[in-house]
Protein backbone atom coordinates (compact mmCIF):
# COMPACT_ATOMS: atom_id res chain seq x y z
CA MET A 1 95.66 120.87 84.93
CA PRO A 2 94.68 124.78 83.58
CA ALA A 3 94.15 125.84 79.97
CA LEU A 4 96.81 126.43 77.99
CA PRO A 5 97.46 128.43 74.40
CA ARG A 6 97.83 126.50 71.32
CA ARG A 7 101.92 125.94 71.46
CA ARG A 8 104.23 124.30 68.59
CA PHE A 9 106.62 122.10 69.89
CA LEU A 10 109.70 124.51 71.23
CA GLU A 11 112.02 125.81 68.31
CA LEU A 12 111.70 122.49 66.01
CA SER A 13 111.45 123.83 62.32
CA LEU A 14 108.15 122.28 60.83
CA ALA A 15 109.95 120.85 57.97
CA ALA A 16 112.61 119.03 59.54
CA THR A 17 110.01 117.90 62.37
CA ALA A 18 107.30 116.61 59.62
CA VAL A 19 110.13 114.67 58.06
CA ALA A 20 111.59 113.12 60.72
CA SER A 21 108.12 112.30 62.23
CA ALA A 22 107.61 110.61 58.75
CA ALA A 23 110.61 108.45 59.01
CA CYS A 24 109.80 107.76 62.62
CA ARG A 25 105.89 106.15 61.79
CA LYS A 26 106.37 104.23 58.70
CA ALA A 27 109.79 102.78 61.07
CA VAL A 28 106.87 101.58 63.58
CA ASP A 29 103.84 100.89 61.62
CA PRO A 30 101.84 98.20 62.95
CA ALA A 31 101.13 96.92 60.20
CA GLU A 32 105.29 95.88 59.76
CA ALA A 33 105.86 95.06 63.17
CA PRO A 34 104.43 94.37 66.28
CA ARG A 35 103.49 97.38 68.37
CA PRO A 36 106.19 98.58 70.54
CA ASN A 37 106.51 98.50 74.36
CA ILE A 38 107.73 100.93 76.41
CA LEU A 39 109.33 100.78 79.75
CA TYR A 40 110.66 103.73 81.85
CA LEU A 41 112.44 102.70 84.90
CA ILE A 42 113.19 106.36 87.13
CA VAL A 43 114.68 105.87 90.53
CA ASP A 44 114.61 108.18 93.15
CA ASP A 45 117.55 111.02 94.08
CA LEU A 46 120.33 108.86 92.11
CA GLY A 47 123.23 110.79 91.47
CA PHE A 48 125.76 110.37 88.71
CA ASP A 49 127.11 106.85 90.55
CA LEU A 50 127.07 104.70 87.58
CA GLY A 51 130.02 103.54 85.79
CA CYS A 52 128.74 105.15 82.38
CA TYR A 53 128.91 108.72 83.75
CA GLY A 54 132.27 108.05 85.00
CA SER A 55 131.95 106.80 89.08
CA LYS A 56 134.86 104.76 89.90
CA GLN A 57 133.37 103.86 93.36
CA VAL A 58 130.04 102.15 92.74
CA GLU A 59 129.47 98.98 90.65
CA THR A 60 126.89 99.29 87.97
CA PRO A 61 127.54 96.66 85.31
CA HIS A 62 123.95 96.18 84.27
CA LEU A 63 122.81 100.03 83.60
CA ASP A 64 126.51 100.67 81.77
CA GLN A 65 125.55 97.82 79.76
CA LEU A 66 122.36 99.32 79.18
CA ALA A 67 124.56 102.48 78.00
CA ALA A 68 126.73 100.63 76.07
CA GLU A 69 123.50 98.80 73.76
CA GLY A 70 121.76 102.11 73.29
CA MET A 71 121.93 105.50 73.99
CA ARG A 72 123.66 108.12 76.58
CA PHE A 73 122.71 111.86 77.15
CA THR A 74 125.02 114.23 78.61
CA GLN A 75 122.97 117.42 79.02
CA ALA A 76 119.08 115.49 80.21
CA TYR A 77 117.43 117.30 82.81
CA SER A 78 114.40 116.50 85.30
CA GLY A 79 111.44 118.29 85.13
CA CYS A 80 112.22 119.82 88.76
CA THR A 81 114.52 119.93 91.39
CA VAL A 82 112.21 117.66 93.90
CA CYS A 83 110.13 114.32 93.73
CA ALA A 84 106.40 115.13 92.98
CA PRO A 85 106.67 118.14 90.56
CA ALA A 86 109.19 116.92 88.34
CA ARG A 87 106.73 113.02 88.36
CA SER A 88 103.96 115.81 87.21
CA THR A 89 106.00 117.06 84.25
CA LEU A 90 107.15 113.34 83.37
CA MET A 91 103.48 112.13 82.98
CA THR A 92 101.78 115.37 81.83
CA GLY A 93 104.74 116.45 79.32
CA THR A 94 104.36 120.03 80.31
CA HIS A 95 106.92 121.59 82.36
CA MET A 96 107.06 123.54 85.61
CA GLY A 97 105.34 126.90 84.34
CA HIS A 98 102.19 124.76 83.54
CA THR A 99 101.93 120.81 85.29
CA PRO A 100 99.24 120.72 87.94
CA VAL A 101 101.42 119.23 90.60
CA ARG A 102 104.26 121.89 92.18
CA ARG A 103 104.37 122.04 95.67
CA ASN A 104 106.48 119.00 96.83
CA SER A 105 104.72 117.57 100.46
CA GLY A 106 103.90 113.90 99.19
CA GLY A 107 99.89 113.90 98.39
CA VAL A 108 98.85 116.78 95.97
CA SER A 109 97.14 115.05 93.26
CA LEU A 110 96.71 115.73 89.74
CA GLN A 111 93.30 117.19 88.74
CA ALA A 112 90.39 115.30 87.50
CA ASP A 113 91.25 116.42 84.20
CA SER A 114 94.75 116.37 83.83
CA TYR A 115 95.89 113.76 80.73
CA THR A 116 99.27 111.41 80.83
CA VAL A 117 100.93 109.44 79.00
CA ALA A 118 99.06 106.38 80.42
CA GLN A 119 95.53 107.51 79.31
CA LEU A 120 97.31 108.76 76.20
CA LEU A 121 98.29 105.05 75.59
CA SER A 122 95.73 103.32 77.36
CA ALA A 123 93.20 104.96 75.15
CA ASN A 124 95.47 103.78 71.89
CA GLY A 125 95.56 99.98 73.10
CA TYR A 126 98.02 99.78 75.23
CA THR A 127 98.12 97.92 78.96
CA CYS A 128 99.85 100.55 81.67
CA GLY A 129 101.23 99.25 84.45
CA GLY A 130 103.03 101.32 87.21
CA PHE A 131 105.40 99.67 90.36
CA GLY A 132 107.15 102.08 92.49
CA LYS A 133 106.22 105.27 93.91
CA TRP A 134 103.02 107.48 92.66
CA GLY A 135 103.89 110.98 94.59
CA ILE A 136 101.57 112.93 92.82
CA ALA A 137 98.38 111.88 94.96
CA ASP A 138 97.04 110.32 97.95
CA LEU A 139 94.53 107.34 98.24
CA ASP A 140 90.77 108.71 97.11
CA THR A 141 92.11 111.42 95.48
CA PRO A 142 91.34 112.75 91.60
CA GLY A 143 94.86 111.99 90.59
CA VAL A 144 95.18 108.50 91.74
CA PRO A 145 96.91 106.51 88.59
CA GLU A 146 93.54 103.79 88.08
CA LYS A 147 91.94 107.32 87.13
CA HIS A 148 94.69 108.31 84.92
CA GLY A 149 95.53 105.36 82.61
CA PHE A 150 97.07 102.60 84.72
CA SER A 151 95.34 99.19 84.55
CA ARG A 152 97.21 98.43 88.04
CA PHE A 153 99.97 100.39 89.92
CA PHE A 154 101.87 98.70 92.77
CA GLY A 155 103.54 100.33 95.56
CA TYR A 156 102.67 104.11 97.62
CA TYR A 157 101.43 106.81 96.61
CA HIS A 158 101.89 109.14 99.04
CA GLN A 159 105.41 109.82 98.51
CA VAL A 160 106.10 110.34 102.00
CA HIS A 161 105.00 106.79 102.87
CA ALA A 162 107.65 105.65 100.36
CA HIS A 163 110.60 107.28 102.81
CA PHE A 164 109.79 103.66 104.64
CA TYR A 165 111.19 100.40 103.20
CA TYR A 166 109.69 98.28 106.01
CA THR A 167 105.87 99.72 105.98
CA ASP A 168 103.40 97.68 106.95
CA TYR A 169 101.44 98.17 103.66
CA LEU A 170 101.94 98.98 99.87
CA ILE A 171 99.03 100.26 97.83
CA ASP A 172 97.38 97.64 94.65
CA THR A 173 95.05 99.72 92.14
CA GLY A 174 93.81 101.83 94.95
CA LYS A 175 93.82 98.94 97.57
CA LYS A 176 95.74 98.57 100.50
CA VAL A 177 98.17 95.32 100.91
CA PRO A 178 99.60 94.47 104.67
CA LEU A 179 102.69 93.23 104.57
CA PRO A 180 102.45 91.17 107.76
CA GLY A 181 105.80 90.82 108.31
CA ASN A 182 106.48 94.56 109.10
CA GLN A 183 103.37 94.98 111.43
CA GLY A 184 104.79 97.15 114.84
CA ILE A 185 108.50 97.91 113.14
CA TYR A 186 108.66 101.31 113.40
CA PRO A 187 106.10 102.14 116.27
CA ASP A 188 108.01 99.77 118.44
CA LEU A 189 111.63 101.85 118.97
CA PRO A 190 112.06 105.48 120.13
CA GLU A 191 110.57 108.04 117.84
CA GLY A 192 108.65 105.27 115.96
CA ARG A 193 111.67 104.14 113.65
CA ILE A 194 114.34 101.42 113.44
CA PRO A 195 117.50 103.08 113.28
CA GLN A 196 118.81 103.41 109.70
CA GLY A 197 121.92 100.80 108.66
CA PRO A 198 121.23 97.22 107.74
CA VAL A 199 118.51 95.58 108.64
CA PRO A 200 118.39 91.71 110.05
CA SER A 201 115.81 89.96 108.24
CA VAL A 202 113.98 88.27 110.69
CA ASP A 203 113.02 90.33 113.52
CA PRO A 204 114.27 89.33 116.73
CA ALA A 205 111.75 90.63 119.05
CA THR A 206 109.11 88.63 117.25
CA GLY A 207 110.73 86.05 114.75
CA ARG A 208 108.32 87.27 111.97
CA LYS A 209 110.37 87.67 108.51
CA ARG A 210 110.38 91.30 107.53
CA GLU A 211 109.61 92.13 103.71
CA PHE A 212 111.46 94.67 102.17
CA SER A 213 109.22 97.07 99.92
CA HIS A 214 111.16 97.28 97.21
CA TYR A 215 111.64 93.58 96.43
CA ARG A 216 108.61 93.22 96.43
CA ILE A 217 107.66 96.04 94.34
CA VAL A 218 110.16 94.69 91.64
CA ASP A 219 108.36 91.14 91.60
CA GLU A 220 105.05 92.46 91.11
CA MET A 221 106.57 94.81 87.95
CA LYS A 222 108.07 91.09 87.08
CA ARG A 223 104.64 89.72 86.94
CA PHE A 224 103.26 92.39 84.91
CA LEU A 225 105.54 92.09 82.10
CA ARG A 226 105.14 87.90 81.60
CA GLU A 227 101.32 88.78 81.85
CA ASN A 228 101.25 91.05 79.42
CA LYS A 229 104.52 89.87 76.72
CA ASP A 230 102.12 89.01 73.93
CA HIS A 231 99.97 92.72 73.57
CA PRO A 232 101.51 96.26 73.80
CA PHE A 233 102.56 97.76 77.00
CA PHE A 234 103.92 100.97 79.09
CA CYS A 235 105.57 99.77 81.96
CA TYR A 236 106.41 102.45 84.32
CA ALA A 237 108.60 101.83 87.11
CA PRO A 238 109.38 105.02 89.54
CA TRP A 239 111.67 102.92 92.06
CA THR A 240 112.16 104.00 95.28
CA VAL A 241 115.80 103.95 95.80
CA PRO A 242 117.99 105.28 96.66
CA HIS A 243 115.55 108.12 98.13
CA GLY A 244 114.28 107.81 102.27
CA ARG A 245 115.53 106.44 104.91
CA LEU A 246 118.99 103.98 104.29
CA GLU A 247 117.88 101.26 105.69
CA ILE A 248 118.56 97.92 103.33
CA PRO A 249 118.26 94.09 104.21
CA GLU A 250 121.98 93.11 105.71
CA ASP A 251 121.66 89.88 103.94
CA ASP A 252 121.30 91.68 100.58
CA PRO A 253 124.63 90.62 98.14
CA ALA A 254 125.01 94.67 97.37
CA TRP A 255 125.17 95.79 101.51
CA GLN A 256 127.86 92.81 101.60
CA LYS A 257 129.93 94.30 98.83
CA TYR A 258 129.90 97.90 100.63
CA LYS A 259 129.61 97.50 104.31
CA ASP A 260 133.46 97.04 104.89
CA ARG A 261 134.06 100.25 102.74
CA PRO A 262 136.26 103.04 104.35
CA TRP A 263 133.17 105.61 103.80
CA SER A 264 130.52 107.00 105.97
CA LEU A 265 127.78 104.69 106.97
CA ASN A 266 125.51 106.70 104.58
CA ALA A 267 127.95 106.21 101.89
CA ARG A 268 128.36 102.74 102.06
CA LEU A 269 124.45 102.10 102.44
CA TYR A 270 123.96 104.58 99.70
CA ALA A 271 126.61 102.45 97.43
CA ALA A 272 124.52 99.92 98.15
CA TYR A 273 121.34 100.53 97.56
CA VAL A 274 122.85 102.06 93.67
CA THR A 275 124.51 98.09 93.05
CA MET A 276 120.94 96.72 94.53
CA LEU A 277 118.77 98.31 91.86
CA ASP A 278 121.16 97.98 89.26
CA ARG A 279 121.00 94.07 89.66
CA HIS A 280 117.88 94.47 89.70
CA ALA A 281 117.60 96.26 86.45
CA GLY A 282 119.53 93.40 85.37
CA GLU A 283 116.99 91.33 85.95
CA ILE A 284 114.30 92.79 84.12
CA LEU A 285 116.09 93.66 81.22
CA ALA A 286 117.02 89.72 80.96
CA LEU A 287 113.10 89.07 81.58
CA LEU A 288 112.27 90.60 78.51
CA LYS A 289 114.62 88.66 76.55
CA GLU A 290 113.11 85.76 78.33
CA LEU A 291 109.81 86.93 77.20
CA GLY A 292 111.11 87.41 73.92
CA VAL A 293 110.15 90.83 73.50
CA ASP A 294 113.52 92.87 74.14
CA SER A 295 113.94 93.80 70.74
CA GLN A 296 110.65 95.58 70.83
CA THR A 297 110.81 97.34 73.74
CA ALA A 298 112.18 100.50 73.96
CA VAL A 299 113.48 100.96 78.03
CA PHE A 300 114.14 104.20 79.50
CA PHE A 301 116.27 105.23 82.56
CA SER A 302 116.72 108.11 84.29
CA SER A 303 116.96 109.71 88.14
CA ASP A 304 113.82 112.46 89.56
CA ASN A 305 116.02 114.98 90.03
CA GLY A 306 119.71 116.08 90.87
CA ALA A 307 121.36 114.16 93.68
CA ALA A 308 120.52 114.23 97.65
CA SER A 309 123.42 114.04 98.89
CA GLN A 310 126.76 114.73 97.28
CA TYR A 311 129.30 112.46 99.89
CA PRO A 312 132.20 114.39 98.79
CA GLY A 313 135.37 112.88 99.26
CA GLU A 314 133.51 109.21 98.96
CA LEU A 315 131.19 109.09 96.23
CA ASP A 316 131.00 112.80 95.04
CA SER A 317 127.56 111.99 92.86
CA THR A 318 126.68 115.37 91.65
CA ALA A 319 129.95 114.84 89.16
CA GLY A 320 131.38 118.36 90.14
CA LEU A 321 128.38 120.10 89.24
CA ARG A 322 127.25 122.94 91.54
CA GLY A 323 124.19 122.16 94.25
CA GLY A 324 122.40 119.27 94.32
CA LYS A 325 118.64 118.56 95.03
CA THR A 326 116.56 121.04 95.76
CA SER A 327 118.80 124.05 93.96
CA MET A 328 118.15 125.52 90.55
CA TYR A 329 122.10 124.72 89.48
CA GLU A 330 122.92 121.92 87.14
CA GLY A 331 123.54 119.44 90.23
CA GLY A 332 119.94 120.01 91.02
CA LEU A 333 118.98 119.25 87.54
CA ARG A 334 120.55 117.37 85.40
CA VAL A 335 120.20 113.80 86.01
CA PRO A 336 121.29 110.85 83.73
CA PHE A 337 119.35 109.71 81.13
CA LEU A 338 119.59 106.24 79.14
CA VAL A 339 117.75 104.86 75.88
CA ARG A 340 117.90 100.78 74.67
CA TRP A 341 115.85 99.81 71.55
CA PRO A 342 117.60 97.08 70.13
CA GLY A 343 117.82 97.52 66.55
CA ARG A 344 116.54 101.55 66.46
CA VAL A 345 118.69 102.90 68.85
CA ALA A 346 122.83 102.33 67.69
CA ALA A 347 124.46 100.85 70.38
CA GLY A 348 127.16 103.12 72.02
CA SER A 349 125.74 106.15 70.80
CA GLU A 350 125.91 109.54 72.56
CA SER A 351 124.12 112.55 72.73
CA ASP A 352 124.74 116.25 73.85
CA LEU A 353 121.08 117.94 72.82
CA PRO A 354 119.23 119.19 76.22
CA ILE A 355 116.14 117.32 76.81
CA TYR A 356 114.41 116.75 80.53
CA PHE A 357 110.71 115.06 81.60
CA PRO A 358 107.86 116.64 79.40
CA ASP A 359 109.76 115.20 76.64
CA PHE A 360 108.52 111.81 77.51
CA LEU A 361 105.07 111.89 76.11
CA PRO A 362 105.84 113.06 73.12
CA THR A 363 108.15 110.74 72.72
CA ALA A 364 105.84 107.73 73.61
CA ALA A 365 103.43 109.01 71.18
CA ALA A 366 105.90 108.49 68.76
CA ILE A 367 107.43 105.44 69.34
CA ALA A 368 103.75 104.31 69.58
CA GLY A 369 102.69 105.53 66.70
CA ILE A 370 99.92 107.41 67.40
CA GLU A 371 101.65 111.45 67.33
CA PRO A 372 98.32 112.48 65.58
CA LYS A 373 96.60 111.65 68.92
CA VAL A 374 98.68 113.93 71.44
CA PRO A 375 97.19 116.81 73.27
CA GLN A 376 98.46 120.10 71.58
CA ALA A 377 99.33 122.17 75.01
CA LEU A 378 102.61 120.25 75.45
CA ASP A 379 106.07 121.72 76.63
CA GLY A 380 108.34 118.76 75.10
CA ILE A 381 109.41 117.62 72.32
CA ASP A 382 109.42 114.37 70.71
CA LEU A 383 112.44 112.88 70.59
CA LEU A 384 112.38 109.90 68.09
CA PRO A 385 114.06 111.45 65.85
CA GLU A 386 117.01 112.29 67.92
CA LEU A 387 117.10 108.41 69.36
CA THR A 388 116.79 106.96 65.83
CA GLY A 389 119.14 108.70 63.78
CA ALA A 390 117.00 109.97 61.68
CA ALA A 391 117.63 113.31 62.25
CA ARG A 392 119.15 115.66 64.41
CA LEU A 393 117.40 118.11 66.78
CA PRO A 394 118.16 121.90 67.05
CA ARG A 395 119.99 122.15 70.36
CA GLU A 396 118.63 125.81 70.62
CA ARG A 397 115.69 124.93 72.71
CA LYS A 398 114.25 126.36 75.55
CA MET A 399 113.51 124.61 78.65
CA TYR A 400 111.67 126.47 82.34
CA TRP A 401 112.27 125.14 85.92
CA GLU A 402 110.22 126.27 89.25
CA TRP A 403 109.88 125.22 92.72
CA ASN A 404 108.32 127.01 96.25
CA LYS A 405 111.23 125.44 98.22
CA ASP A 406 108.77 125.45 101.08
CA HIS A 407 107.07 121.79 101.14
CA PHE A 408 104.43 122.81 103.40
CA ALA A 409 103.66 126.61 102.86
CA PRO A 410 101.09 127.73 100.45
CA TYR A 411 102.45 127.51 97.08
CA VAL A 412 104.61 130.81 95.83
CA VAL A 413 107.19 130.50 93.48
CA PHE A 414 110.36 131.12 95.20
CA MET A 415 113.16 129.89 92.89
CA GLN A 416 113.41 129.58 89.18
CA ALA A 417 115.68 128.61 86.41
CA HIS A 418 115.27 128.99 82.33
CA ARG A 419 117.64 127.58 79.98
CA ASP A 420 117.72 129.18 76.29
CA GLY A 421 120.59 126.99 74.24
CA LYS A 422 123.98 127.71 76.09
CA TRP A 423 122.50 130.37 78.31
CA LYS A 424 121.01 129.96 81.68
CA ILE A 425 119.38 132.35 84.21
CA VAL A 426 118.80 131.07 87.56
CA ARG A 427 117.22 132.62 90.85
CA ASN A 428 116.97 130.15 93.94
CA ASP A 429 115.36 133.55 95.43
CA VAL A 430 112.90 135.23 93.67
CA SER A 431 113.50 138.28 95.80
CA LYS A 432 117.08 138.30 94.21
CA GLY A 433 118.14 139.19 90.82
CA TRP A 434 118.65 136.53 88.22
CA GLU A 435 122.33 135.08 87.62
CA LEU A 436 122.92 133.83 84.17
CA TYR A 437 125.58 131.37 82.85
CA ASP A 438 126.92 130.25 79.79
CA LEU A 439 126.85 126.75 80.08
CA GLU A 440 128.58 125.66 76.92
CA ALA A 441 131.98 127.31 78.42
CA ASP A 442 130.77 126.90 81.98
CA ALA A 443 128.56 123.97 82.95
CA SER A 444 129.90 124.56 87.27
CA GLU A 445 128.14 127.64 87.40
CA SER A 446 130.86 129.41 88.41
CA SER A 447 130.46 132.51 86.81
CA ASN A 448 127.90 134.78 87.19
CA LEU A 449 127.63 136.93 83.65
CA ALA A 450 124.52 139.10 84.17
CA ALA A 451 125.88 141.99 84.97
CA ALA A 452 128.32 141.85 81.47
CA HIS A 453 124.86 140.26 79.55
CA PRO A 454 121.94 142.32 80.88
CA GLU A 455 120.35 141.85 77.46
CA VAL A 456 120.24 138.13 77.63
CA VAL A 457 118.63 138.24 81.25
CA GLU A 458 116.07 140.78 80.52
CA ARG A 459 115.37 138.48 77.05
CA MET A 460 115.65 135.58 79.14
CA ALA A 461 113.10 137.05 81.61
CA ALA A 462 110.50 137.99 79.55
CA TRP A 463 110.30 134.67 78.33
CA VAL A 464 109.94 133.54 81.84
CA ALA A 465 107.41 135.81 82.65
CA ALA A 466 105.28 135.20 79.43
CA ASN A 467 105.47 131.11 79.89
CA ARG A 468 104.36 130.30 82.95
CA VAL A 469 101.08 130.53 84.76
CA ASP A 470 99.96 130.11 88.51
CA PRO A 471 98.89 126.02 89.19
CA PRO A 472 95.81 125.08 90.21
CA GLU A 473 95.30 125.38 94.52
CA GLN A 474 97.93 122.59 95.83
CA VAL A 475 96.19 120.85 98.48
CA GLU A 476 96.99 118.38 100.96
CA PRO A 477 94.53 116.02 101.07
CA ASP A 478 92.70 115.07 104.74
CA LYS A 479 94.52 112.36 106.91
CA PRO A 480 93.65 110.55 109.98
CA ALA A 481 94.23 111.90 113.12
CA GLY A 482 98.41 111.27 114.01
CA GLN A 483 98.58 110.43 110.24
CA LYS A 484 100.61 111.87 107.53
CA TRP A 485 99.16 110.07 104.65
CA ARG A 486 96.07 108.03 103.94
């Protein structure tokens, strides 16, 4: 990560921060209570298809209950509009003008000196495990999770690998784990693929039982929680669903629920994925209670970016916001975001504080009681005062996003967005002028006010120019001949 100047957290008054942080430190003093666990469940390409965000079509009772028992954010944003860069912002606490991984080709690696939330927590007594899609390194590169604080990571490293749910292997902390029942599934059919849709659990050609990767990932996550219930843990769960190929086991209860709905096949498959992940989220929450660690575990839930598909007239996954994944409009950047921590976060609470992924690292540090050890060069803020009610954090804050759009070309900024309080400037093509929107009056970004307020555009564009640097070289690592990942 490039060396950055020392900056205070965005727009927080020093007095308010000191008072709130002191209150929060006292509340999580290890001498008074067990050190809190942190569990972050982030799913892939989910829109606002949750009952707690107004969906009437998709059933998500467990996540709705999570919202009812914690805080629901109404202005939460990803760190980017696509997968890999968003995960880089989440892990490093830096926005898209400073984060190390900005290309979305699948294997671009964190730098050897990139510092992650897992490194911070593991250095301070936490056991860190990850289960799902890493997406910010391939095997044998400097950015693999075992080099950045995780004692165990099970799932996928290269994010293109994670498109495939019947892969012939997964990765367990740097080593390939074969899934024998899946051997040869994709190459046996035209273009090396099985058709998208419901998949028989037994291969009719070979009689082998197929293994759906997401099931295995959830099982390994449960194992980690059982093994680490007696000491502080950070469990990072970047689950792959509902991203990638829509291929779900045909006997999964969620598919059975939606298979006869009067929607397109893809809408039915997507809805089944969402209800399936909701079921598994419920199993994880139930396990925390079974293990006796429910009240000492702060649980975060979000999507990694806006909805990839909207399914208009069927699901409307962007909830009426403009754009979707790969755009800088609200539909590409806003995400559902829930936090539950019994006894610390008020049940049924709601916050309109604008937040985004860089905030997670300083917030996790505050939960763990290790704020003084947080690196100074961050772009995120500590959300704990807002979560616990110790203080209402200022709504007037600055946030930034960029992306280069072309997954495989050398990194050149192509699109940008910057929010400052109620104002947001956007350009989905840097060769064109900035658009300006008043998000308080126009969350759907339908009225471009740039011509009416040129002074606002000029001020915000100057902030963008002053608050980003070019990234390190965005290198896709070499791969075996004919392969898209290692």
